[in-house]
Amino acid sequence: MRLVFGLVLLAGLALAGFAVHLAQKQFGAYQNALQEERQKAVEAVPTGRIYVMTRPIARGEILTPDAVKLAPWPMEIMPDGIFTEKRPLFVEGDAPRVVVNAMDKFDAVLDGRVSEPGGDAGLTSRLERGERAFAIKVDVATGVSGFLRPGDRVDVYWTGRVPGNDPNLPQGDVTKLIETGIRLIAVDQTAESETANPTTIARTVTVAITPQQVAGLAQAQSTGRLSLSLMAANDETVADAIEVDQRALLGLTKREQQVEKKSIKVCTTRVRRGSEVVEIPIPCTN
């Protein structure tokens, strides 16, 4: 009985092994056929290797090598302005490119989507981390007669009247230096210094400052008049606190009012205490 059971078990194992071998053989044949079909499809559609994005990228970001890769692209629908191994996207020694149009993952990198080496994508690429763009209204006098250019640095002065009648506050109009060495990134609608025209008087200039400075300049612009003072290109000095009111401008000193001291009248009465006469202060009567 045991011999019969052992023979049946061996026969079952043999049949199971044969079935596994047959399944593996069929699966291998299927994979080979699928690979052949894929190869035929590749041969039927000629492709070329171009640079595509490996992740979504926003406008104004600097393009880095880890954000792109070479990938096959059908030759029949190859777009214009592509970058390939023969026309590399990155050349040693060149300045980085900046994205001028946002791209999604696997989008082709084209001329119109990235800048030239060292180019920019407008104001967003000129702002450093933590900076904000803020526009200041100027005219021929406050705007240095049209000689301001993107990239220049200026000091900002506020002129206005301090509210209140506190004698300790400046009297009349006062001019105060409120910001020093802030960077211009645009004049009117122009962000390129080469295209700025000195014969055209700017109406606004855009500066790159922190959010705290934005709040200060917005308050100053709404309560007084802002004037810009152009700094030299190689000037690294920081201006001291400067404040001038009308009295300081004209060299006038504040007169001190002399207050006459009133003498205090003391009324007394004499009281005899034994052999002594003592004066005692009493309230004065009119």
C-alpha atoms as a PDB file:
ATOM      1  CA  MET A   1       0.000   0.000   0.000  1.00  0.00           C
ATOM      2  CA  ARG A   2       2.796   2.399   0.858  1.00  0.00           C
ATOM      3  CA  LEU A   3       4.570   1.507  -2.393  1.00  0.00           C
ATOM      4  CA  VAL A   4       1.499   2.455  -4.395  1.00  0.00           C
ATOM      5  CA  PHE A   5       1.145   5.768  -2.515  1.00  0.00           C
ATOM      6  CA  GLY A   6       4.827   6.617  -3.198  1.00  0.00           C
ATOM      7  CA  LEU A   7       4.478   5.856  -6.901  1.00  0.00           C
ATOM      8  CA  VAL A   8       1.388   8.114  -7.140  1.00  0.00           C
ATOM      9  CA  LEU A   9       3.252  10.934  -5.351  1.00  0.00           C
ATOM     10  CA  LEU A  10       6.233  10.683  -7.677  1.00  0.00           C
ATOM     11  CA  ALA A  11       3.964  10.687 -10.703  1.00  0.00           C
ATOM     12  CA  GLY A  12       2.197  13.813  -9.392  1.00  0.00           C
ATOM     13  CA  LEU A  13       5.483  15.631  -8.823  1.00  0.00           C
ATOM     14  CA  ALA A  14       6.668  14.720 -12.301  1.00  0.00           C
ATOM     15  CA  LEU A  15       3.462  16.009 -13.852  1.00  0.00           C
ATOM     16  CA  ALA A  16       3.686  19.267 -11.842  1.00  0.00           C
ATOM     17  CA  GLY A  17       7.300  19.836 -12.905  1.00  0.00           C
ATOM     18  CA  PHE A  18       6.407  19.211 -16.519  1.00  0.00           C
ATOM     19  CA  ALA A  19       3.526  21.709 -16.279  1.00  0.00           C
ATOM     20  CA  VAL A  20       5.823  24.386 -14.779  1.00  0.00           C
ATOM     21  CA  HIS A  21       8.423  23.788 -17.489  1.00  0.00           C
ATOM     22  CA  LEU A  22       5.747  24.033 -20.174  1.00  0.00           C
ATOM     23  CA  ALA A  23       4.378  27.309 -18.684  1.00  0.00           C
ATOM     24  CA  GLN A  24       7.861  28.847 -18.527  1.00  0.00           C
ATOM     25  CA  LYS A  25       8.487  27.871 -22.114  1.00  0.00           C
ATOM     26  CA  GLN A  26       5.207  29.428 -23.253  1.00  0.00           C
ATOM     27  CA  PHE A  27       5.877  32.633 -21.229  1.00  0.00           C
ATOM     28  CA  GLY A  28       9.380  32.931 -22.707  1.00  0.00           C
ATOM     29  CA  ALA A  29       7.999  32.537 -26.209  1.00  0.00           C
ATOM     30  CA  TYR A  30       5.439  35.251 -25.481  1.00  0.00           C
ATOM     31  CA  GLN A  31       8.130  37.667 -24.235  1.00  0.00           C
ATOM     32  CA  ASN A  32      10.279  37.001 -27.288  1.00  0.00           C
ATOM     33  CA  ALA A  33       7.347  37.665 -29.585  1.00  0.00           C
ATOM     34  CA  LEU A  34       6.517  40.897 -27.718  1.00  0.00           C
ATOM     35  CA  GLN A  35      10.134  42.078 -27.938  1.00  0.00           C
ATOM     36  CA  GLU A  36      10.172  41.358 -31.674  1.00  0.00           C
ATOM     37  CA  GLU A  37       6.993  43.379 -32.156  1.00  0.00           C
ATOM     38  CA  ARG A  38       8.456  46.278 -30.195  1.00  0.00           C
ATOM     39  CA  GLN A  39      11.623  46.161 -32.266  1.00  0.00           C
ATOM     40  CA  LYS A  40       9.580  46.174 -35.446  1.00  0.00           C
ATOM     41  CA  ALA A  41       7.646  49.214 -34.191  1.00  0.00           C
ATOM     42  CA  VAL A  42      10.885  51.065 -33.407  1.00  0.00           C
ATOM     43  CA  GLU A  43      12.288  50.207 -36.815  1.00  0.00           C
ATOM     44  CA  ALA A  44       9.069  51.307 -38.460  1.00  0.00           C
ATOM     45  CA  VAL A  45       9.108  54.773 -36.744  1.00  0.00           C
ATOM     46  CA  PRO A  46      12.535  56.456 -37.023  1.00  0.00           C
ATOM     47  CA  THR A  47      13.470  58.390 -33.902  1.00  0.00           C
ATOM     48  CA  GLY A  48      16.120  60.850 -32.792  1.00  0.00           C
ATOM     49  CA  ARG A  49      17.440  61.662 -29.326  1.00  0.00           C
ATOM     50  CA  ILE A  50      16.583  65.127 -28.024  1.00  0.00           C
ATOM     51  CA  TYR A  51      16.571  66.838 -24.634  1.00  0.00           C
ATOM     52  CA  VAL A  52      13.295  66.580 -22.690  1.00  0.00           C
ATOM     53  CA  MET A  53      12.305  67.590 -19.152  1.00  0.00           C
ATOM     54  CA  THR A  54      12.532  65.073 -16.338  1.00  0.00           C
ATOM     55  CA  ARG A  55      10.236  67.118 -14.072  1.00  0.00           C
ATOM     56  CA  PRO A  56       7.871  70.109 -14.276  1.00  0.00           C
ATOM     57  CA  ILE A  57       9.706  73.442 -14.197  1.00  0.00           C
ATOM     58  CA  ALA A  58       8.379  76.973 -13.664  1.00  0.00           C
ATOM     59  CA  ARG A  59       9.118  80.175 -15.509  1.00  0.00           C
ATOM     60  CA  GLY A  60      12.145  81.983 -14.127  1.00  0.00           C
ATOM     61  CA  GLU A  61      13.953  78.887 -12.826  1.00  0.00           C
ATOM     62  CA  ILE A  62      17.562  78.274 -13.801  1.00  0.00           C
ATOM     63  CA  LEU A  63      17.878  75.210 -16.041  1.00  0.00           C
ATOM     64  CA  THR A  64      20.194  72.566 -14.551  1.00  0.00           C
ATOM     65  CA  PRO A  65      21.490  69.280 -16.049  1.00  0.00           C
ATOM     66  CA  ASP A  66      19.491  67.171 -13.594  1.00  0.00           C
ATOM     67  CA  ALA A  67      16.225  68.637 -14.936  1.00  0.00           C
ATOM     68  CA  VAL A  68      16.690  67.251 -18.491  1.00  0.00           C
ATOM     69  CA  LYS A  69      17.705  64.047 -20.269  1.00  0.00           C
ATOM     70  CA  LEU A  70      18.203  62.720 -23.799  1.00  0.00           C
ATOM     71  CA  ALA A  71      15.196  60.687 -24.944  1.00  0.00           C
ATOM     72  CA  PRO A  72      13.991  59.221 -28.303  1.00  0.00           C
ATOM     73  CA  TRP A  73      11.572  61.398 -30.263  1.00  0.00           C
ATOM     74  CA  PRO A  74       9.810  60.467 -33.535  1.00  0.00           C
ATOM     75  CA  MET A  75      11.605  62.099 -36.467  1.00  0.00           C
ATOM     76  CA  GLU A  76       8.316  62.655 -38.288  1.00  0.00           C
ATOM     77  CA  ILE A  77       7.029  65.078 -35.609  1.00  0.00           C
ATOM     78  CA  MET A  78      10.371  66.537 -34.529  1.00  0.00           C
ATOM     79  CA  PRO A  79       9.761  70.194 -33.475  1.00  0.00           C
ATOM     80  CA  ASP A  80      11.965  73.132 -34.473  1.00  0.00           C
ATOM     81  CA  GLY A  81      14.559  74.580 -32.111  1.00  0.00           C
ATOM     82  CA  ILE A  82      15.445  71.305 -30.360  1.00  0.00           C
ATOM     83  CA  PHE A  83      18.657  70.516 -28.488  1.00  0.00           C
ATOM     84  CA  THR A  84      20.552  67.296 -29.285  1.00  0.00           C
ATOM     85  CA  GLU A  85      23.945  65.728 -28.725  1.00  0.00           C
ATOM     86  CA  LYS A  86      25.231  67.679 -31.726  1.00  0.00           C
ATOM     87  CA  ARG A  87      23.605  70.864 -30.399  1.00  0.00           C
ATOM     88  CA  PRO A  88      24.133  70.539 -26.636  1.00  0.00           C
ATOM     89  CA  LEU A  89      22.016  72.345 -24.120  1.00  0.00           C
ATOM     90  CA  PHE A  90      24.921  72.877 -21.728  1.00  0.00           C
ATOM     91  CA  VAL A  91      28.367  74.020 -22.851  1.00  0.00           C
ATOM     92  CA  GLU A  92      31.247  74.197 -20.403  1.00  0.00           C
ATOM     93  CA  GLY A  93      32.102  77.796 -19.604  1.00  0.00           C
ATOM     94  CA  ASP A  94      28.731  79.230 -20.652  1.00  0.00           C
ATOM     95  CA  ALA A  95      26.421  80.945 -18.181  1.00  0.00           C
ATOM     96  CA  PRO A  96      23.272  78.994 -17.227  1.00  0.00           C
ATOM     97  CA  ARG A  97      20.042  79.300 -19.165  1.00  0.00           C
ATOM     98  CA  VAL A  98      16.768  80.413 -17.609  1.00  0.00           C
ATOM     99  CA  VAL A  99      13.311  78.975 -18.334  1.00  0.00           C
ATOM    100  CA  VAL A 100      11.148  81.613 -20.056  1.00  0.00           C
ATOM    101  CA  ASN A 101       8.081  79.366 -20.513  1.00  0.00           C
ATOM    102  CA  ALA A 102       6.932  76.796 -17.972  1.00  0.00           C
ATOM    103  CA  MET A 103       7.299  73.151 -19.055  1.00  0.00           C
ATOM    104  CA  ASP A 104       5.854  69.841 -17.876  1.00  0.00           C
ATOM    105  CA  LYS A 105       7.569  66.494 -17.519  1.00  0.00           C
ATOM    106  CA  PHE A 106       8.716  64.987 -20.871  1.00  0.00           C
ATOM    107  CA  ASP A 107       8.214  68.291 -22.729  1.00  0.00           C
ATOM    108  CA  ALA A 108      10.850  68.946 -25.392  1.00  0.00           C
ATOM    109  CA  VAL A 109      13.337  71.710 -24.560  1.00  0.00           C
ATOM    110  CA  LEU A 110      13.088  74.291 -27.350  1.00  0.00           C
ATOM    111  CA  ASP A 111      14.697  77.641 -28.167  1.00  0.00           C
ATOM    112  CA  GLY A 112      11.543  79.542 -27.307  1.00  0.00           C
ATOM    113  CA  ARG A 113      11.241  77.899 -23.902  1.00  0.00           C
ATOM    114  CA  VAL A 114      14.697  78.735 -22.549  1.00  0.00           C
ATOM    115  CA  SER A 115      16.882  81.826 -22.730  1.00  0.00           C
ATOM    116  CA  GLU A 116      20.308  82.174 -24.239  1.00  0.00           C
ATOM    117  CA  PRO A 117      23.245  81.415 -21.889  1.00  0.00           C
ATOM    118  CA  GLY A 118      23.317  84.166 -19.271  1.00  0.00           C
ATOM    119  CA  GLY A 119      19.846  85.454 -20.205  1.00  0.00           C
ATOM    120  CA  ASP A 120      16.910  85.932 -17.891  1.00  0.00           C
ATOM    121  CA  ALA A 121      13.134  85.493 -17.847  1.00  0.00           C
ATOM    122  CA  GLY A 122      12.171  88.998 -16.761  1.00  0.00           C
ATOM    123  CA  LEU A 123      11.868  90.400 -13.255  1.00  0.00           C
ATOM    124  CA  THR A 124      11.241  87.071 -11.536  1.00  0.00           C
ATOM    125  CA  SER A 125      14.700  85.814 -12.465  1.00  0.00           C
ATOM    126  CA  ARG A 126      16.286  89.036 -11.163  1.00  0.00           C
ATOM    127  CA  LEU A 127      14.812  88.663  -7.690  1.00  0.00           C
ATOM    128  CA  GLU A 128      16.865  86.793  -5.114  1.00  0.00           C
ATOM    129  CA  ARG A 129      15.339  84.565  -2.457  1.00  0.00           C
ATOM    130  CA  GLY A 130      13.313  86.655  -0.008  1.00  0.00           C
ATOM    131  CA  GLU A 131      13.124  89.708  -2.285  1.00  0.00           C
ATOM    132  CA  ARG A 132      10.049  91.413  -3.721  1.00  0.00           C
ATOM    133  CA  ALA A 133       9.618  93.848  -6.624  1.00  0.00           C
ATOM    134  CA  PHE A 134       8.202  97.260  -5.694  1.00  0.00           C
ATOM    135  CA  ALA A 135       7.456 100.222  -7.986  1.00  0.00           C
ATOM    136  CA  ILE A 136       8.286 103.820  -6.989  1.00  0.00           C
ATOM    137  CA  LYS A 137       6.731 106.795  -8.773  1.00  0.00           C
ATOM    138  CA  VAL A 138       9.325 109.309  -9.989  1.00  0.00           C
ATOM    139  CA  ASP A 139       9.565 112.394 -12.215  1.00  0.00           C
ATOM    140  CA  VAL A 140      12.368 114.416 -13.795  1.00  0.00           C
ATOM    141  CA  ALA A 141      13.551 115.712 -10.399  1.00  0.00           C
ATOM    142  CA  THR A 142      13.085 112.655  -8.194  1.00  0.00           C
ATOM    143  CA  GLY A 143      14.259 110.261 -10.926  1.00  0.00           C
ATOM    144  CA  VAL A 144      17.734 111.791 -11.439  1.00  0.00           C
ATOM    145  CA  SER A 145      16.764 113.372 -14.786  1.00  0.00           C
ATOM    146  CA  GLY A 146      16.321 110.041 -16.566  1.00  0.00           C
ATOM    147  CA  PHE A 147      19.808 108.683 -15.900  1.00  0.00           C
ATOM    148  CA  LEU A 148      18.629 105.683 -13.889  1.00  0.00           C
ATOM    149  CA  ARG A 149      19.305 102.230 -15.382  1.00  0.00           C
ATOM    150  CA  PRO A 150      18.391  98.675 -14.304  1.00  0.00           C
ATOM    151  CA  GLY A 151      21.205  97.425 -12.095  1.00  0.00           C
ATOM    152  CA  ASP A 152      21.932 100.832 -10.527  1.00  0.00           C
ATOM    153  CA  ARG A 153      21.751 101.331  -6.764  1.00  0.00           C
ATOM    154  CA  VAL A 154      20.047 104.311  -5.170  1.00  0.00           C
ATOM    155  CA  ASP A 155      19.323 105.922  -1.806  1.00  0.00           C
ATOM    156  CA  VAL A 156      15.693 106.802  -1.076  1.00  0.00           C
ATOM    157  CA  TYR A 157      14.740 110.047   0.724  1.00  0.00           C
ATOM    158  CA  TRP A 158      11.304 110.875   2.118  1.00  0.00           C
ATOM    159  CA  THR A 159      10.009 114.439   2.294  1.00  0.00           C
ATOM    160  CA  GLY A 160       6.839 115.216   4.195  1.00  0.00           C
ATOM    161  CA  ARG A 161       5.310 116.803   7.273  1.00  0.00           C
ATOM    162  CA  VAL A 162       5.206 115.048  10.612  1.00  0.00           C
ATOM    163  CA  PRO A 163       1.673 115.269  12.062  1.00  0.00           C
ATOM    164  CA  GLY A 164       1.036 116.553  15.563  1.00  0.00           C
ATOM    165  CA  ASN A 165       2.012 119.555  17.678  1.00  0.00           C
ATOM    166  CA  ASP A 166       4.634 117.858  19.799  1.00  0.00           C
ATOM    167  CA  PRO A 167       7.469 120.418  20.300  1.00  0.00           C
ATOM    168  CA  ASN A 168       9.972 117.547  20.320  1.00  0.00           C
ATOM    169  CA  LEU A 169       9.056 116.587  16.724  1.00  0.00           C
ATOM    170  CA  PRO A 170      10.531 118.362  13.672  1.00  0.00           C
ATOM    171  CA  GLN A 171       8.607 121.473  12.685  1.00  0.00           C
ATOM    172  CA  GLY A 172       7.465 122.012   9.083  1.00  0.00           C
ATOM    173  CA  ASP A 173       8.554 119.742   6.212  1.00  0.00           C
ATOM    174  CA  VAL A 174      11.315 117.243   6.933  1.00  0.00           C
ATOM    175  CA  THR A 175      13.536 115.183   4.620  1.00  0.00           C
ATOM    176  CA  LYS A 176      14.875 111.865   5.886  1.00  0.00           C
ATOM    177  CA  LEU A 177      16.984 109.072   4.394  1.00  0.00           C
ATOM    178  CA  ILE A 178      14.835 105.943   4.753  1.00  0.00           C
ATOM    179  CA  GLU A 179      16.595 103.360   2.516  1.00  0.00           C
ATOM    180  CA  THR A 180      20.150 103.134   1.215  1.00  0.00           C
ATOM    181  CA  GLY A 181      21.771 101.091  -1.547  1.00  0.00           C
ATOM    182  CA  ILE A 182      18.629  99.429  -2.919  1.00  0.00           C
ATOM    183  CA  ARG A 183      18.909  97.830  -6.371  1.00  0.00           C
ATOM    184  CA  LEU A 184      16.911  98.874  -9.430  1.00  0.00           C
ATOM    185  CA  ILE A 185      15.676  95.986 -11.574  1.00  0.00           C
ATOM    186  CA  ALA A 186      13.510  97.883 -14.066  1.00  0.00           C
ATOM    187  CA  VAL A 187      12.825 101.410 -15.317  1.00  0.00           C
ATOM    188  CA  ASP A 188       9.252 101.858 -16.544  1.00  0.00           C
ATOM    189  CA  GLN A 189       8.578  98.674 -18.572  1.00  0.00           C
ATOM    190  CA  THR A 190      12.240  98.055 -19.419  1.00  0.00           C
ATOM    191  CA  ALA A 191      14.458  95.591 -17.541  1.00  0.00           C
ATOM    192  CA  GLU A 192      17.431  95.853 -19.922  1.00  0.00           C
ATOM    193  CA  SER A 193      19.940  98.621 -19.264  1.00  0.00           C
ATOM    194  CA  GLU A 194      21.110  98.676 -22.910  1.00  0.00           C
ATOM    195  CA  THR A 195      17.655  99.608 -24.207  1.00  0.00           C
ATOM    196  CA  ALA A 196      16.972 102.390 -21.684  1.00  0.00           C
ATOM    197  CA  ASN A 197      16.770 105.834 -23.318  1.00  0.00           C
ATOM    198  CA  PRO A 198      18.172 108.742 -21.250  1.00  0.00           C
ATOM    199  CA  THR A 199      16.043 111.232 -23.197  1.00  0.00           C
ATOM    200  CA  THR A 200      12.868 109.585 -21.883  1.00  0.00           C
ATOM    201  CA  ILE A 201      11.941 110.570 -18.340  1.00  0.00           C
ATOM    202  CA  ALA A 202      10.845 107.533 -16.350  1.00  0.00           C
ATOM    203  CA  ARG A 203       7.555 107.600 -14.504  1.00  0.00           C
ATOM    204  CA  THR A 204       8.224 104.528 -12.344  1.00  0.00           C
ATOM    205  CA  VAL A 205      11.239 102.521 -11.266  1.00  0.00           C
ATOM    206  CA  THR A 206      11.085  99.007  -9.814  1.00  0.00           C
ATOM    207  CA  VAL A 207      13.371  98.020  -6.951  1.00  0.00           C
ATOM    208  CA  ALA A 208      14.213  94.655  -5.332  1.00  0.00           C
ATOM    209  CA  ILE A 209      13.656  94.817  -1.574  1.00  0.00           C
ATOM    210  CA  THR A 210      12.460  92.724   1.359  1.00  0.00           C
ATOM    211  CA  PRO A 211       8.782  92.543   2.387  1.00  0.00           C
ATOM    212  CA  GLN A 212       9.542  94.731   5.430  1.00  0.00           C
ATOM    213  CA  GLN A 213      11.062  97.383   3.159  1.00  0.00           C
ATOM    214  CA  VAL A 214       8.031  97.133   0.865  1.00  0.00           C
ATOM    215  CA  ALA A 215       5.768  98.051   3.787  1.00  0.00           C
ATOM    216  CA  GLY A 216       8.004 100.978   4.731  1.00  0.00           C
ATOM    217  CA  LEU A 217       8.235 102.399   1.207  1.00  0.00           C
ATOM    218  CA  ALA A 218       4.497 101.958   0.615  1.00  0.00           C
ATOM    219  CA  GLN A 219       3.768 103.935   3.786  1.00  0.00           C
ATOM    220  CA  ALA A 220       6.334 106.589   2.854  1.00  0.00           C
ATOM    221  CA  GLN A 221       4.978 106.921  -0.694  1.00  0.00           C
ATOM    222  CA  SER A 222       1.417 107.414   0.548  1.00  0.00           C
ATOM    223  CA  THR A 223       2.332 110.031   3.192  1.00  0.00           C
ATOM    224  CA  GLY A 224       4.994 112.091   1.421  1.00  0.00           C
ATOM    225  CA  ARG A 225       7.268 112.437  -1.596  1.00  0.00           C
ATOM    226  CA  LEU A 226      10.101 110.023  -2.428  1.00  0.00           C
ATOM    227  CA  SER A 227      13.328 111.137  -4.090  1.00  0.00           C
ATOM    228  CA  LEU A 228      16.120 108.933  -5.410  1.00  0.00           C
ATOM    229  CA  SER A 229      19.848 109.611  -5.200  1.00  0.00           C
ATOM    230  CA  LEU A 230      22.079 107.625  -7.589  1.00  0.00           C
ATOM    231  CA  MET A 231      25.093 105.838  -6.069  1.00  0.00           C
ATOM    232  CA  ALA A 232      28.427 105.265  -7.783  1.00  0.00           C
ATOM    233  CA  ALA A 233      28.932 101.813  -9.303  1.00  0.00           C
ATOM    234  CA  ASN A 234      31.885 101.012  -7.002  1.00  0.00           C
ATOM    235  CA  ASP A 235      30.531 102.744  -3.883  1.00  0.00           C
ATOM    236  CA  GLU A 236      30.209 100.264  -1.031  1.00  0.00           C
ATOM    237  CA  THR A 237      29.709 102.807   1.763  1.00  0.00           C
ATOM    238  CA  VAL A 238      26.548 102.828   3.867  1.00  0.00           C
ATOM    239  CA  ALA A 239      25.034 106.243   4.472  1.00  0.00           C
ATOM    240  CA  ASP A 240      24.469 107.371   8.058  1.00  0.00           C
ATOM    241  CA  ALA A 241      21.098 108.377   9.429  1.00  0.00           C
ATOM    242  CA  ILE A 242      20.229 111.701   7.783  1.00  0.00           C
ATOM    243  CA  GLU A 243      17.330 113.965   8.732  1.00  0.00           C
ATOM    244  CA  VAL A 244      16.931 117.655   7.853  1.00  0.00           C
ATOM    245  CA  ASP A 245      13.989 119.923   8.733  1.00  0.00           C
ATOM    246  CA  GLN A 246      13.401 123.569   7.870  1.00  0.00           C
ATOM    247  CA  ARG A 247      15.063 124.896  11.029  1.00  0.00           C
ATOM    248  CA  ALA A 248      18.206 122.810  10.467  1.00  0.00           C
ATOM    249  CA  LEU A 249      18.279 123.782   6.786  1.00  0.00           C
ATOM    250  CA  LEU A 250      18.163 127.528   7.601  1.00  0.00           C
ATOM    251  CA  GLY A 251      20.425 127.231  10.619  1.00  0.00           C
ATOM    252  CA  LEU A 252      17.781 128.442  13.051  1.00  0.00           C
ATOM    253  CA  THR A 253      17.869 127.467  16.698  1.00  0.00           C
ATOM    254  CA  LYS A 254      14.807 127.046  18.811  1.00  0.00           C
ATOM    255  CA  ARG A 255      14.350 129.875  21.280  1.00  0.00           C
ATOM    256  CA  GLU A 256      13.843 128.812  24.828  1.00  0.00           C
ATOM    257  CA  GLN A 257      10.955 130.552  26.514  1.00  0.00           C
ATOM    258  CA  GLN A 258      11.993 132.085  29.804  1.00  0.00           C
ATOM    259  CA  VAL A 259       9.425 131.482  32.467  1.00  0.00           C
ATOM    260  CA  GLU A 260       9.412 134.003  35.317  1.00  0.00           C
ATOM    261  CA  LYS A 261       9.500 132.298  38.623  1.00  0.00           C
ATOM    262  CA  LYS A 262       6.838 133.583  40.919  1.00  0.00           C
ATOM    263  CA  SER A 263       7.932 134.112  44.483  1.00  0.00           C
ATOM    264  CA  ILE A 264       5.914 132.272  47.039  1.00  0.00           C
ATOM    265  CA  LYS A 265       4.486 134.603  49.672  1.00  0.00           C
ATOM    266  CA  VAL A 266       4.687 133.241  53.190  1.00  0.00           C
ATOM    267  CA  CYS A 267       2.415 134.648  55.896  1.00  0.00           C
ATOM    268  CA  THR A 268       3.298 134.271  59.592  1.00  0.00           C
ATOM    269  CA  THR A 269       1.960 135.261  62.926  1.00  0.00           C
ATOM    270  CA  ARG A 270       3.855 135.872  66.141  1.00  0.00           C
ATOM    271  CA  VAL A 271       2.999 133.919  69.236  1.00  0.00           C
ATOM    272  CA  ARG A 272       4.592 134.544  72.649  1.00  0.00           C
ATOM    273  CA  ARG A 273       5.561 131.420  74.510  1.00  0.00           C
ATOM    274  CA  GLY A 274       6.771 132.462  77.924  1.00  0.00           C
ATOM    275  CA  SER A 275       9.717 134.727  77.391  1.00  0.00           C
ATOM    276  CA  GLU A 276      10.098 133.770  73.676  1.00  0.00           C
ATOM    277  CA  VAL A 277       8.290 135.079  70.615  1.00  0.00           C
ATOM    278  CA  VAL A 278       7.797 132.408  67.911  1.00  0.00           C
ATOM    279  CA  GLU A 279       6.723 133.028  64.275  1.00  0.00           C
ATOM    280  CA  ILE A 280       4.234 130.422  63.005  1.00  0.00           C
ATOM    281  CA  PRO A 281       3.307 130.187  59.252  1.00  0.00           C
ATOM    282  CA  ILE A 282      -0.387 130.627  58.521  1.00  0.00           C
ATOM    283  CA  PRO A 283      -2.455 130.686  55.274  1.00  0.00           C
ATOM    284  CA  CYS A 284      -2.312 134.066  53.569  1.00  0.00           C
ATOM    285  CA  THR A 285      -5.561 135.923  53.140  1.00  0.00           C
ATOM    286  CA  ASN A 286      -6.225 138.517  50.438  1.00  0.00           C
END
